[in-house]
C-alpha atoms as a PDB file:
ATOM      1  CA  MET A   1       6.479  14.568 -24.492  1.00  0.00           C
ATOM      2  CA  ARG A   2       3.290  14.257 -22.460  1.00  0.00           C
ATOM      3  CA  LEU A   3       5.360  13.402 -19.393  1.00  0.00           C
ATOM      4  CA  LEU A   4       7.551  16.462 -19.997  1.00  0.00           C
ATOM      5  CA  ARG A   5       4.504  18.710 -20.339  1.00  0.00           C
ATOM      6  CA  SER A   6       3.159  17.407 -17.015  1.00  0.00           C
ATOM      7  CA  LEU A   7       6.389  18.192 -15.116  1.00  0.00           C
ATOM      8  CA  PRO A   8       5.543  21.773 -13.975  1.00  0.00           C
ATOM      9  CA  VAL A   9       2.754  20.677 -11.612  1.00  0.00           C
ATOM     10  CA  PRO A  10       4.778  18.114  -9.599  1.00  0.00           C
ATOM     11  CA  LEU A  11       7.803  20.430  -9.718  1.00  0.00           C
ATOM     12  CA  VAL A  12       5.813  23.264  -8.158  1.00  0.00           C
ATOM     13  CA  ALA A  13       4.434  20.844  -5.547  1.00  0.00           C
ATOM     14  CA  ALA A  14       7.958  19.643  -4.708  1.00  0.00           C
ATOM     15  CA  LEU A  15       9.248  23.209  -4.374  1.00  0.00           C
ATOM     16  CA  ALA A  16       6.293  24.073  -2.131  1.00  0.00           C
ATOM     17  CA  ALA A  17       7.055  21.046   0.075  1.00  0.00           C
ATOM     18  CA  VAL A  18      10.720  22.064   0.369  1.00  0.00           C
ATOM     19  CA  GLY A  19       9.678  25.622   1.212  1.00  0.00           C
ATOM     20  CA  ALA A  20       7.309  24.380   3.920  1.00  0.00           C
ATOM     21  CA  TRP A  21      10.092  22.162   5.279  1.00  0.00           C
ATOM     22  CA  HIS A  22      12.499  25.116   5.506  1.00  0.00           C
ATOM     23  CA  ALA A  23       9.848  27.354   7.069  1.00  0.00           C
ATOM     24  CA  ALA A  24       8.996  24.736   9.716  1.00  0.00           C
ATOM     25  CA  VAL A  25      12.668  24.255  10.657  1.00  0.00           C
ATOM     26  CA  VAL A  26      13.158  28.012  11.045  1.00  0.00           C
ATOM     27  CA  ALA A  27       9.831  28.776  12.729  1.00  0.00           C
ATOM     28  CA  PHE A  28      10.109  26.033  15.343  1.00  0.00           C
ATOM     29  CA  SER A  29      13.908  26.241  15.753  1.00  0.00           C
ATOM     30  CA  ILE A  30      14.269  22.511  15.131  1.00  0.00           C
ATOM     31  CA  PRO A  31      17.842  21.328  15.771  1.00  0.00           C
ATOM     32  CA  ALA A  32      19.744  20.131  12.709  1.00  0.00           C
ATOM     33  CA  TYR A  33      20.431  16.739  14.312  1.00  0.00           C
ATOM     34  CA  LEU A  34      16.664  16.137  14.362  1.00  0.00           C
ATOM     35  CA  VAL A  35      15.589  17.693  11.045  1.00  0.00           C
ATOM     36  CA  PRO A  36      18.303  19.375   8.977  1.00  0.00           C
ATOM     37  CA  PRO A  37      17.308  22.336   6.784  1.00  0.00           C
ATOM     38  CA  PRO A  38      16.955  21.675   3.038  1.00  0.00           C
ATOM     39  CA  ALA A  39      20.116  23.658   2.256  1.00  0.00           C
ATOM     40  CA  GLU A  40      22.219  21.384   4.452  1.00  0.00           C
ATOM     41  CA  VAL A  41      20.798  18.276   2.783  1.00  0.00           C
ATOM     42  CA  ALA A  42      21.442  19.789  -0.652  1.00  0.00           C
ATOM     43  CA  LEU A  43      25.066  20.501   0.278  1.00  0.00           C
ATOM     44  CA  ARG A  44      25.446  16.933   1.509  1.00  0.00           C
ATOM     45  CA  LEU A  45      24.065  15.644  -1.782  1.00  0.00           C
ATOM     46  CA  LEU A  46      26.655  17.710  -3.660  1.00  0.00           C
ATOM     47  CA  ASP A  47      29.597  16.905  -1.393  1.00  0.00           C
ATOM     48  CA  ASP A  48      28.994  13.143  -1.232  1.00  0.00           C
ATOM     49  CA  TRP A  49      27.592  12.587  -4.737  1.00  0.00           C
ATOM     50  CA  ARG A  50      30.234  10.009  -5.654  1.00  0.00           C
ATOM     51  CA  GLN A  51      29.617   7.896  -2.577  1.00  0.00           C
ATOM     52  CA  LEU A  52      25.848   8.240  -2.826  1.00  0.00           C
ATOM     53  CA  GLY A  53      25.886   7.505  -6.554  1.00  0.00           C
ATOM     54  CA  PHE A  54      27.924   4.327  -6.077  1.00  0.00           C
ATOM     55  CA  HIS A  55      25.617   2.944  -3.382  1.00  0.00           C
ATOM     56  CA  ALA A  56      22.529   4.059  -5.323  1.00  0.00           C
ATOM     57  CA  ALA A  57      23.733   2.111  -8.381  1.00  0.00           C
ATOM     58  CA  VAL A  58      24.025  -1.037  -6.244  1.00  0.00           C
ATOM     59  CA  THR A  59      20.506  -0.636  -4.835  1.00  0.00           C
ATOM     60  CA  LEU A  60      19.090   0.178  -8.274  1.00  0.00           C
ATOM     61  CA  ALA A  61      20.615  -2.975  -9.780  1.00  0.00           C
ATOM     62  CA  GLU A  62      19.174  -5.124  -6.972  1.00  0.00           C
ATOM     63  CA  ALA A  63      15.740  -3.514  -7.297  1.00  0.00           C
ATOM     64  CA  LEU A  64      15.688  -3.936 -11.081  1.00  0.00           C
ATOM     65  CA  GLY A  65      16.733  -7.575 -10.781  1.00  0.00           C
ATOM     66  CA  GLY A  66      14.059  -8.354  -8.205  1.00  0.00           C
ATOM     67  CA  PHE A  67      11.436  -6.479 -10.232  1.00  0.00           C
ATOM     68  CA  ALA A  68      12.327  -8.317 -13.450  1.00  0.00           C
ATOM     69  CA  LEU A  69      12.066 -11.677 -11.683  1.00  0.00           C
ATOM     70  CA  ALA A  70       8.743 -10.665 -10.126  1.00  0.00           C
ATOM     71  CA  ALA A  71       7.330  -9.511 -13.471  1.00  0.00           C
ATOM     72  CA  VAL A  72       8.266 -12.685 -15.349  1.00  0.00           C
ATOM     73  CA  PHE A  73       7.365 -15.134 -12.595  1.00  0.00           C
ATOM     74  CA  GLY A  74       4.151 -13.299 -11.653  1.00  0.00           C
ATOM     75  CA  VAL A  75       2.705 -13.321 -15.171  1.00  0.00           C
ATOM     76  CA  LEU A  76       3.757 -16.916 -15.913  1.00  0.00           C
ATOM     77  CA  ALA A  77       2.451 -18.186 -12.577  1.00  0.00           C
ATOM     78  CA  ALA A  78      -0.827 -16.325 -13.091  1.00  0.00           C
ATOM     79  CA  ALA A  79      -1.262 -17.927 -16.524  1.00  0.00           C
ATOM     80  CA  ILE A  80      -0.693 -21.404 -15.050  1.00  0.00           C
ATOM     81  CA  LEU A  81      -3.072 -20.806 -12.127  1.00  0.00           C
ATOM     82  CA  VAL A  82      -5.821 -19.447 -14.400  1.00  0.00           C
ATOM     83  CA  TRP A  83      -5.370 -22.452 -16.700  1.00  0.00           C
ATOM     84  CA  SER A  84      -5.732 -24.867 -13.748  1.00  0.00           C
ATOM     85  CA  PRO A  85      -8.287 -23.768 -11.094  1.00  0.00           C
ATOM     86  CA  SER A  86      -7.553 -26.850  -8.975  1.00  0.00           C
ATOM     87  CA  LEU A  87      -3.865 -25.951  -8.907  1.00  0.00           C
ATOM     88  CA  GLU A  88      -4.800 -22.407  -7.901  1.00  0.00           C
ATOM     89  CA  ARG A  89      -6.856 -23.679  -4.970  1.00  0.00           C
ATOM     90  CA  ALA A  90      -3.866 -25.692  -3.820  1.00  0.00           C
ATOM     91  CA  VAL A  91      -1.155 -23.066  -4.343  1.00  0.00           C
ATOM     92  CA  MET A  92      -2.790 -19.736  -3.492  1.00  0.00           C
ATOM     93  CA  PRO A  93      -3.092 -20.399   0.276  1.00  0.00           C
ATOM     94  CA  VAL A  94       0.639 -21.142   0.398  1.00  0.00           C
ATOM     95  CA  LEU A  95       1.426 -17.946  -1.511  1.00  0.00           C
ATOM     96  CA  LEU A  96      -0.835 -15.948   0.808  1.00  0.00           C
ATOM     97  CA  VAL A  97       0.906 -17.346   3.876  1.00  0.00           C
ATOM     98  CA  ILE A  98       4.319 -16.436   2.445  1.00  0.00           C
ATOM     99  CA  GLN A  99       3.047 -12.945   1.616  1.00  0.00           C
ATOM    100  CA  THR A 100       1.761 -12.353   5.152  1.00  0.00           C
ATOM    101  CA  PHE A 101       5.198 -13.022   6.662  1.00  0.00           C
ATOM    102  CA  PRO A 102       7.056  -9.749   7.332  1.00  0.00           C
ATOM    103  CA  LYS A 103       9.953  -9.717   4.887  1.00  0.00           C
ATOM    104  CA  ILE A 104      12.241  -8.175   7.512  1.00  0.00           C
ATOM    105  CA  ALA A 105      11.665 -11.366   9.531  1.00  0.00           C
ATOM    106  CA  LEU A 106      12.381 -13.642   6.557  1.00  0.00           C
ATOM    107  CA  ALA A 107      15.483 -11.723   5.498  1.00  0.00           C
ATOM    108  CA  PRO A 108      17.830 -13.177   8.167  1.00  0.00           C
ATOM    109  CA  LEU A 109      16.814 -16.705   7.186  1.00  0.00           C
ATOM    110  CA  ILE A 110      17.415 -15.967   3.514  1.00  0.00           C
ATOM    111  CA  VAL A 111      20.861 -14.587   4.320  1.00  0.00           C
ATOM    112  CA  ILE A 112      21.676 -17.689   6.409  1.00  0.00           C
ATOM    113  CA  TRP A 113      20.546 -19.994   3.602  1.00  0.00           C
ATOM    114  CA  PHE A 114      22.021 -18.136   0.613  1.00  0.00           C
ATOM    115  CA  GLY A 115      24.905 -16.089   2.029  1.00  0.00           C
ATOM    116  CA  LEU A 116      25.762 -12.398   1.790  1.00  0.00           C
ATOM    117  CA  GLY A 117      26.040 -11.923  -1.975  1.00  0.00           C
ATOM    118  CA  VAL A 118      23.705 -10.244  -4.423  1.00  0.00           C
ATOM    119  CA  GLY A 119      21.424 -13.291  -4.619  1.00  0.00           C
ATOM    120  CA  PRO A 120      19.673 -12.809  -1.246  1.00  0.00           C
ATOM    121  CA  LYS A 121      18.968  -9.141  -2.045  1.00  0.00           C
ATOM    122  CA  LEU A 122      17.421 -10.127  -5.377  1.00  0.00           C
ATOM    123  CA  LEU A 123      15.363 -12.812  -3.666  1.00  0.00           C
ATOM    124  CA  ILE A 124      14.025 -10.469  -0.983  1.00  0.00           C
ATOM    125  CA  SER A 125      13.217  -7.809  -3.582  1.00  0.00           C
ATOM    126  CA  PHE A 126      11.461 -10.480  -5.646  1.00  0.00           C
ATOM    127  CA  LEU A 127       9.420 -11.741  -2.677  1.00  0.00           C
ATOM    128  CA  VAL A 128       8.255  -8.218  -1.832  1.00  0.00           C
ATOM    129  CA  ALA A 129       7.320  -7.355  -5.428  1.00  0.00           C
ATOM    130  CA  VAL A 130       5.867 -10.555  -6.879  1.00  0.00           C
ATOM    131  CA  PHE A 131       2.463 -10.717  -5.178  1.00  0.00           C
ATOM    132  CA  PRO A 132       0.956  -7.535  -6.731  1.00  0.00           C
ATOM    133  CA  VAL A 133       1.980  -8.757 -10.189  1.00  0.00           C
ATOM    134  CA  LEU A 134       0.555 -12.221  -9.583  1.00  0.00           C
ATOM    135  CA  VAL A 135      -2.813 -11.037  -8.268  1.00  0.00           C
ATOM    136  CA  SER A 136      -3.210  -8.326 -10.926  1.00  0.00           C
ATOM    137  CA  ALA A 137      -2.346 -10.768 -13.709  1.00  0.00           C
ATOM    138  CA  ILE A 138      -4.852 -13.341 -12.415  1.00  0.00           C
ATOM    139  CA  VAL A 139      -7.603 -10.719 -12.298  1.00  0.00           C
ATOM    140  CA  GLY A 140      -6.696  -9.483 -15.769  1.00  0.00           C
ATOM    141  CA  LEU A 141      -6.556 -12.932 -17.365  1.00  0.00           C
ATOM    142  CA  ARG A 142      -9.986 -13.693 -15.942  1.00  0.00           C
ATOM    143  CA  SER A 143     -11.524 -10.412 -17.071  1.00  0.00           C
ATOM    144  CA  VAL A 144     -11.922 -11.483 -20.704  1.00  0.00           C
ATOM    145  CA  GLU A 145     -15.565 -11.557 -21.785  1.00  0.00           C
ATOM    146  CA  LYS A 146     -16.964 -15.050 -22.268  1.00  0.00           C
ATOM    147  CA  ASP A 147     -18.362 -14.153 -25.697  1.00  0.00           C
ATOM    148  CA  MET A 148     -14.859 -13.209 -26.876  1.00  0.00           C
ATOM    149  CA  LEU A 149     -13.464 -16.548 -25.716  1.00  0.00           C
ATOM    150  CA  ASP A 150     -16.355 -18.460 -27.314  1.00  0.00           C
ATOM    151  CA  LEU A 151     -15.732 -16.667 -30.600  1.00  0.00           C
ATOM    152  CA  ALA A 152     -12.036 -17.529 -30.490  1.00  0.00           C
ATOM    153  CA  ARG A 153     -12.811 -21.181 -29.745  1.00  0.00           C
ATOM    154  CA  ALA A 154     -15.368 -21.251 -32.576  1.00  0.00           C
ATOM    155  CA  THR A 155     -12.566 -20.436 -35.002  1.00  0.00           C
ATOM    156  CA  ARG A 156     -10.720 -23.531 -33.673  1.00  0.00           C
ATOM    157  CA  ALA A 157      -7.820 -21.393 -32.477  1.00  0.00           C
ATOM    158  CA  PRO A 158      -5.366 -23.340 -30.293  1.00  0.00           C
ATOM    159  CA  ALA A 159      -5.179 -22.545 -26.599  1.00  0.00           C
ATOM    160  CA  TRP A 160      -1.802 -20.801 -26.890  1.00  0.00           C
ATOM    161  CA  ARG A 161      -3.117 -18.472 -29.613  1.00  0.00           C
ATOM    162  CA  ILE A 162      -6.191 -17.620 -27.558  1.00  0.00           C
ATOM    163  CA  PHE A 163      -3.918 -16.752 -24.647  1.00  0.00           C
ATOM    164  CA  TRP A 164      -1.558 -14.661 -26.791  1.00  0.00           C
ATOM    165  CA  ARG A 165      -4.173 -12.888 -28.910  1.00  0.00           C
ATOM    166  CA  VAL A 166      -7.116 -12.559 -26.526  1.00  0.00           C
ATOM    167  CA  ARG A 167      -6.378 -13.121 -22.848  1.00  0.00           C
ATOM    168  CA  LEU A 168      -3.014 -11.363 -22.603  1.00  0.00           C
ATOM    169  CA  PRO A 169      -4.047  -8.112 -24.403  1.00  0.00           C
ATOM    170  CA  PHE A 170      -7.160  -7.857 -22.226  1.00  0.00           C
ATOM    171  CA  ALA A 171      -5.068  -8.492 -19.105  1.00  0.00           C
ATOM    172  CA  LEU A 172      -2.342  -5.929 -19.882  1.00  0.00           C
ATOM    173  CA  PRO A 173      -4.052  -2.952 -18.136  1.00  0.00           C
ATOM    174  CA  HIS A 174      -4.338  -5.003 -14.946  1.00  0.00           C
ATOM    175  CA  ILE A 175      -0.792  -6.340 -15.298  1.00  0.00           C
ATOM    176  CA  PHE A 176       0.648  -2.850 -15.672  1.00  0.00           C
ATOM    177  CA  GLY A 177      -1.262  -1.763 -12.575  1.00  0.00           C
ATOM    178  CA  GLY A 178       0.448  -4.545 -10.642  1.00  0.00           C
ATOM    179  CA  LEU A 179       3.827  -3.723 -12.188  1.00  0.00           C
ATOM    180  CA  LYS A 180       3.625  -0.102 -11.028  1.00  0.00           C
ATOM    181  CA  VAL A 181       3.008  -1.258  -7.473  1.00  0.00           C
ATOM    182  CA  ALA A 182       5.697  -3.932  -7.704  1.00  0.00           C
ATOM    183  CA  VAL A 183       8.415  -1.608  -9.014  1.00  0.00           C
ATOM    184  CA  ALA A 184       8.080   0.564  -5.912  1.00  0.00           C
ATOM    185  CA  PHE A 185       8.055  -2.494  -3.643  1.00  0.00           C
ATOM    186  CA  SER A 186      11.198  -3.830  -5.310  1.00  0.00           C
ATOM    187  CA  VAL A 187      13.180  -0.839  -4.019  1.00  0.00           C
ATOM    188  CA  VAL A 188      11.857  -1.497  -0.520  1.00  0.00           C
ATOM    189  CA  GLY A 189      12.882  -5.151  -0.796  1.00  0.00           C
ATOM    190  CA  ALA A 190      16.399  -4.254  -1.943  1.00  0.00           C
ATOM    191  CA  VAL A 191      16.852  -1.913   1.033  1.00  0.00           C
ATOM    192  CA  VAL A 192      15.534  -4.549   3.462  1.00  0.00           C
ATOM    193  CA  GLY A 193      18.012  -7.053   2.074  1.00  0.00           C
ATOM    194  CA  GLU A 194      20.854  -4.587   2.528  1.00  0.00           C
ATOM    195  CA  TRP A 195      19.826  -3.956   6.131  1.00  0.00           C
ATOM    196  CA  VAL A 196      20.314  -7.604   7.023  1.00  0.00           C
ATOM    197  CA  GLY A 197      23.695  -8.207   5.454  1.00  0.00           C
ATOM    198  CA  ALA A 198      25.598  -5.977   3.030  1.00  0.00           C
ATOM    199  CA  ASP A 199      28.665  -3.796   2.722  1.00  0.00           C
ATOM    200  CA  ARG A 200      27.283  -1.564  -0.042  1.00  0.00           C
ATOM    201  CA  GLY A 201      23.986  -0.090  -1.159  1.00  0.00           C
ATOM    202  CA  LEU A 202      21.740   2.666   0.156  1.00  0.00           C
ATOM    203  CA  GLY A 203      20.298   0.341   2.819  1.00  0.00           C
ATOM    204  CA  TYR A 204      23.771  -0.309   4.176  1.00  0.00           C
ATOM    205  CA  LEU A 205      24.529   3.415   4.041  1.00  0.00           C
ATOM    206  CA  LEU A 206      21.301   4.150   5.925  1.00  0.00           C
ATOM    207  CA  LEU A 207      22.424   1.935   8.789  1.00  0.00           C
ATOM    208  CA  TRP A 208      25.866   3.557   8.809  1.00  0.00           C
ATOM    209  CA  ALA A 209      24.393   7.078   8.886  1.00  0.00           C
ATOM    210  CA  ASN A 210      21.950   6.098  11.633  1.00  0.00           C
ATOM    211  CA  ALA A 211      24.733   4.598  13.772  1.00  0.00           C
ATOM    212  CA  ASN A 212      26.733   7.815  13.414  1.00  0.00           C
ATOM    213  CA  LEU A 213      23.689  10.112  13.982  1.00  0.00           C
ATOM    214  CA  ASP A 214      24.364  11.729  10.599  1.00  0.00           C
ATOM    215  CA  THR A 215      20.871  13.086   9.979  1.00  0.00           C
ATOM    216  CA  ALA A 216      21.810  15.117   6.922  1.00  0.00           C
ATOM    217  CA  LEU A 217      23.174  11.994   5.243  1.00  0.00           C
ATOM    218  CA  LEU A 218      20.014  10.106   6.184  1.00  0.00           C
ATOM    219  CA  PHE A 219      17.896  12.708   4.409  1.00  0.00           C
ATOM    220  CA  ALA A 220      20.241  12.663   1.407  1.00  0.00           C
ATOM    221  CA  ILE A 221      19.872   8.879   1.152  1.00  0.00           C
ATOM    222  CA  LEU A 222      16.093   9.208   1.367  1.00  0.00           C
ATOM    223  CA  ALA A 223      16.240  11.732  -1.481  1.00  0.00           C
ATOM    224  CA  TRP A 224      18.165   9.212  -3.607  1.00  0.00           C
ATOM    225  CA  LEU A 225      15.666   6.450  -2.773  1.00  0.00           C
ATOM    226  CA  ALA A 226      12.780   8.744  -3.693  1.00  0.00           C
ATOM    227  CA  ALA A 227      14.471   9.589  -6.996  1.00  0.00           C
ATOM    228  CA  ILE A 228      15.020   5.903  -7.797  1.00  0.00           C
ATOM    229  CA  GLY A 229      11.420   5.034  -6.958  1.00  0.00           C
ATOM    230  CA  LEU A 230      10.030   7.862  -9.069  1.00  0.00           C
ATOM    231  CA  ALA A 231      12.274   7.037 -12.026  1.00  0.00           C
ATOM    232  CA  LEU A 232      11.301   3.365 -11.999  1.00  0.00           C
ATOM    233  CA  TYR A 233       7.593   4.130 -11.592  1.00  0.00           C
ATOM    234  CA  TYR A 234       7.518   6.573 -14.484  1.00  0.00           C
ATOM    235  CA  ALA A 235       9.555   4.174 -16.623  1.00  0.00           C
ATOM    236  CA  VAL A 236       6.844   1.538 -16.154  1.00  0.00           C
ATOM    237  CA  GLU A 237       4.188   4.164 -16.840  1.00  0.00           C
ATOM    238  CA  ALA A 238       5.943   5.162 -20.070  1.00  0.00           C
ATOM    239  CA  ALA A 239       6.023   1.496 -21.112  1.00  0.00           C
ATOM    240  CA  GLU A 240       2.302   1.301 -20.342  1.00  0.00           C
ATOM    241  CA  ARG A 241       1.598   4.288 -22.593  1.00  0.00           C
ATOM    242  CA  LEU A 242       3.549   2.656 -25.413  1.00  0.00           C
ATOM    243  CA  ALA A 243       1.902  -0.740 -24.979  1.00  0.00           C
ATOM    244  CA  LEU A 244      -1.688   0.451 -24.391  1.00  0.00           C
ATOM    245  CA  PRO A 245      -2.374   3.564 -26.507  1.00  0.00           C
ATOM    246  CA  TRP A 246      -5.717   1.985 -27.463  1.00  0.00           C
ATOM    247  CA  HIS A 247      -6.996   1.447 -23.927  1.00  0.00           C
ATOM    248  CA  VAL A 248      -9.640   3.732 -22.409  1.00  0.00           C
ATOM    249  CA  SER A 249      -7.467   4.341 -19.323  1.00  0.00           C
ATOM    250  CA  MET A 250      -4.865   5.991 -21.583  1.00  0.00           C
ATOM    251  CA  ARG A 251      -7.299   7.980 -23.738  1.00  0.00           C
ATOM    252  CA  GLY A 252      -9.123   9.446 -20.734  1.00  0.00           C
ATOM    253  CA  ARG A 253      -6.103   9.819 -18.457  1.00  0.00           C
ATOM    254  CA  ASP A 254      -6.010  13.628 -18.368  1.00  0.00           C
ATOM    255  CA  LEU A 255      -9.773  14.141 -18.129  1.00  0.00           C
ATOM    256  CA  PRO A 256     -11.362  15.229 -14.809  1.00  0.00           C
ATOM    257  CA  LEU A 257     -13.258  12.554 -12.892  1.00  0.00           C
ATOM    258  CA  GLY A 258     -16.658  14.071 -13.554  1.00  0.00           C
ATOM    259  CA  THR A 259     -16.344  14.258 -17.349  1.00  0.00           C
END
């Protein structure tokens, strides 16, 4: 309900952006093949909704798969690296090197190694999304106060219970911060994978529209990608509200910065 009550502000901002877009196209007489007017893009969205919906479903499935893999692997890997500092010193440089590689450069190799199926798209989406989750989870798992850990150890709680009852709850705000970044990156990774080798998906459709100079379709595809990204982001944010109603970041979310 809080999300529904907050809709008017972004809706007004979106309408203002569309109005400014239309005004700029008319005022500067921009050709439609460069920047189509909003009405033309809206008509294209209505006319081609079946085609766009089919390809959007493919991209959404790939993004969700890559995001799920990134979330699970990122949190588990962070727990292992926090448990073993020596292992972290050995593994983190390798992970950093992999992260610095442009994923568009790695994508052709992944396609050569794993083929043209769904697997390479999931892997590229995973590689793009996993690092924010991993780093955020490591920071969160280390943010527990030492006194809290000493108290838990004084009760002779086993290590797994300390992790489950103390470290993980304290790390959840950081983990959700990483998840919100990763869910947006997962869409980018899915599109990059489709650029390299695919016959379906919004990334494939982007290449087709670009080859045919179909600018209106390009804008329609971007609208679908924006909708997918927003939906996934707010889904993670809703999960955060459900999981962390007790946290100060939730209680003071709607307060101005100076209060």
